[in-house]
Amino acid sequence: MMQTVNELLRDESIAHAVWISRYSTGVAARMVKY
């Protein structure tokens, strides 16, 4: 089953957004601690 380029890009951007939000949450938590 082949994904279209648009579907691949959408999946990539969703994964990236999830990673960014997790990362920034971690950074914020660390900043609050110190």
N, C-alpha and C. Protein backbone atom coordinates (compact mmCIF):
# COMPACT_ATOMS: atom_id res chain seq x y z
N MET A 1 0.85 -1.20 0.00
CA MET A 1 0.00 0.00 0.00
C MET A 1 0.88 1.25 0.00
N MET A 2 0.80 2.01 -1.07
CA MET A 2 1.64 3.21 -1.18
C MET A 2 0.93 4.43 -0.60
N GLN A 3 1.66 5.17 0.19
CA GLN A 3 1.11 6.43 0.69
C GLN A 3 1.43 7.52 -0.33
N THR A 4 0.56 8.49 -0.43
CA THR A 4 0.86 9.63 -1.29
C THR A 4 1.86 10.53 -0.57
N VAL A 5 2.49 11.40 -1.33
CA VAL A 5 3.47 12.32 -0.75
C VAL A 5 2.80 13.19 0.32
N ASN A 6 1.58 13.63 0.03
CA ASN A 6 0.86 14.46 1.00
C ASN A 6 0.62 13.74 2.31
N GLU A 7 0.26 12.46 2.24
CA GLU A 7 0.03 11.69 3.46
C GLU A 7 1.32 11.53 4.25
N LEU A 8 2.42 11.27 3.54
CA LEU A 8 3.71 11.13 4.22
C LEU A 8 4.10 12.43 4.90
N LEU A 9 3.92 13.54 4.21
CA LEU A 9 4.26 14.85 4.78
C LEU A 9 3.40 15.14 6.00
N ARG A 10 2.10 14.80 5.91
CA ARG A 10 1.21 15.02 7.04
C ARG A 10 1.65 14.21 8.24
N ASP A 11 1.97 12.93 8.01
CA ASP A 11 2.42 12.07 9.11
C ASP A 11 3.70 12.60 9.73
N GLU A 12 4.63 13.05 8.88
CA GLU A 12 5.90 13.59 9.37
C GLU A 12 5.66 14.83 10.22
N SER A 13 4.81 15.73 9.75
CA SER A 13 4.59 16.97 10.49
C SER A 13 3.86 16.71 11.81
N ILE A 14 2.96 15.73 11.83
CA ILE A 14 2.29 15.37 13.09
C ILE A 14 3.31 14.81 14.08
N ALA A 15 4.15 13.89 13.61
CA ALA A 15 5.16 13.29 14.47
C ALA A 15 6.10 14.37 15.00
N HIS A 16 6.47 15.31 14.12
CA HIS A 16 7.38 16.39 14.50
C HIS A 16 6.73 17.28 15.55
N ALA A 17 5.46 17.62 15.35
CA ALA A 17 4.74 18.47 16.30
C ALA A 17 4.64 17.80 17.67
N VAL A 18 4.39 16.49 17.67
CA VAL A 18 4.31 15.74 18.92
C VAL A 18 5.65 15.77 19.63
N TRP A 19 6.73 15.55 18.86
CA TRP A 19 8.07 15.54 19.44
C TRP A 19 8.41 16.91 20.02
N ILE A 20 8.10 17.96 19.27
CA ILE A 20 8.39 19.33 19.72
C ILE A 20 7.65 19.64 21.02
N SER A 21 6.37 19.26 21.09
CA SER A 21 5.60 19.58 22.29
C SER A 21 6.12 18.80 23.49
N ARG A 22 6.52 17.54 23.27
CA ARG A 22 7.11 16.75 24.36
C ARG A 22 8.42 17.37 24.81
N TYR A 23 9.24 17.77 23.84
CA TYR A 23 10.54 18.34 24.16
C TYR A 23 10.39 19.65 24.94
N SER A 24 9.51 20.53 24.46
CA SER A 24 9.34 21.82 25.14
C SER A 24 8.73 21.65 26.52
N THR A 25 7.88 20.65 26.69
CA THR A 25 7.34 20.36 28.02
C THR A 25 8.46 19.95 28.96
N GLY A 26 9.37 19.11 28.48
CA GLY A 26 10.51 18.67 29.28
C GLY A 26 11.42 19.84 29.65
N VAL A 27 11.66 20.72 28.68
CA VAL A 27 12.51 21.88 28.93
C VAL A 27 11.86 22.81 29.95
N ALA A 28 10.56 23.05 29.80
CA ALA A 28 9.84 23.91 30.74
C ALA A 28 9.89 23.32 32.14
N ALA A 29 9.70 22.02 32.26
CA ALA A 29 9.74 21.37 33.57
C ALA A 29 11.11 21.54 34.21
N ARG A 30 12.16 21.41 33.40
CA ARG A 30 13.52 21.57 33.93
C ARG A 30 13.76 23.01 34.37
N MET A 31 13.26 23.98 33.60
CA MET A 31 13.45 25.39 33.93
C MET A 31 12.73 25.73 35.23
N VAL A 32 11.56 25.15 35.43
CA VAL A 32 10.79 25.41 36.66
C VAL A 32 11.52 24.85 37.87
N LYS A 33 12.14 23.68 37.71
CA LYS A 33 12.84 23.05 38.83
C LYS A 33 14.01 23.89 39.33
N TYR A 34 14.76 24.50 38.41
CA TYR A 34 15.97 25.22 38.82
C TYR A 34 15.69 26.68 39.12
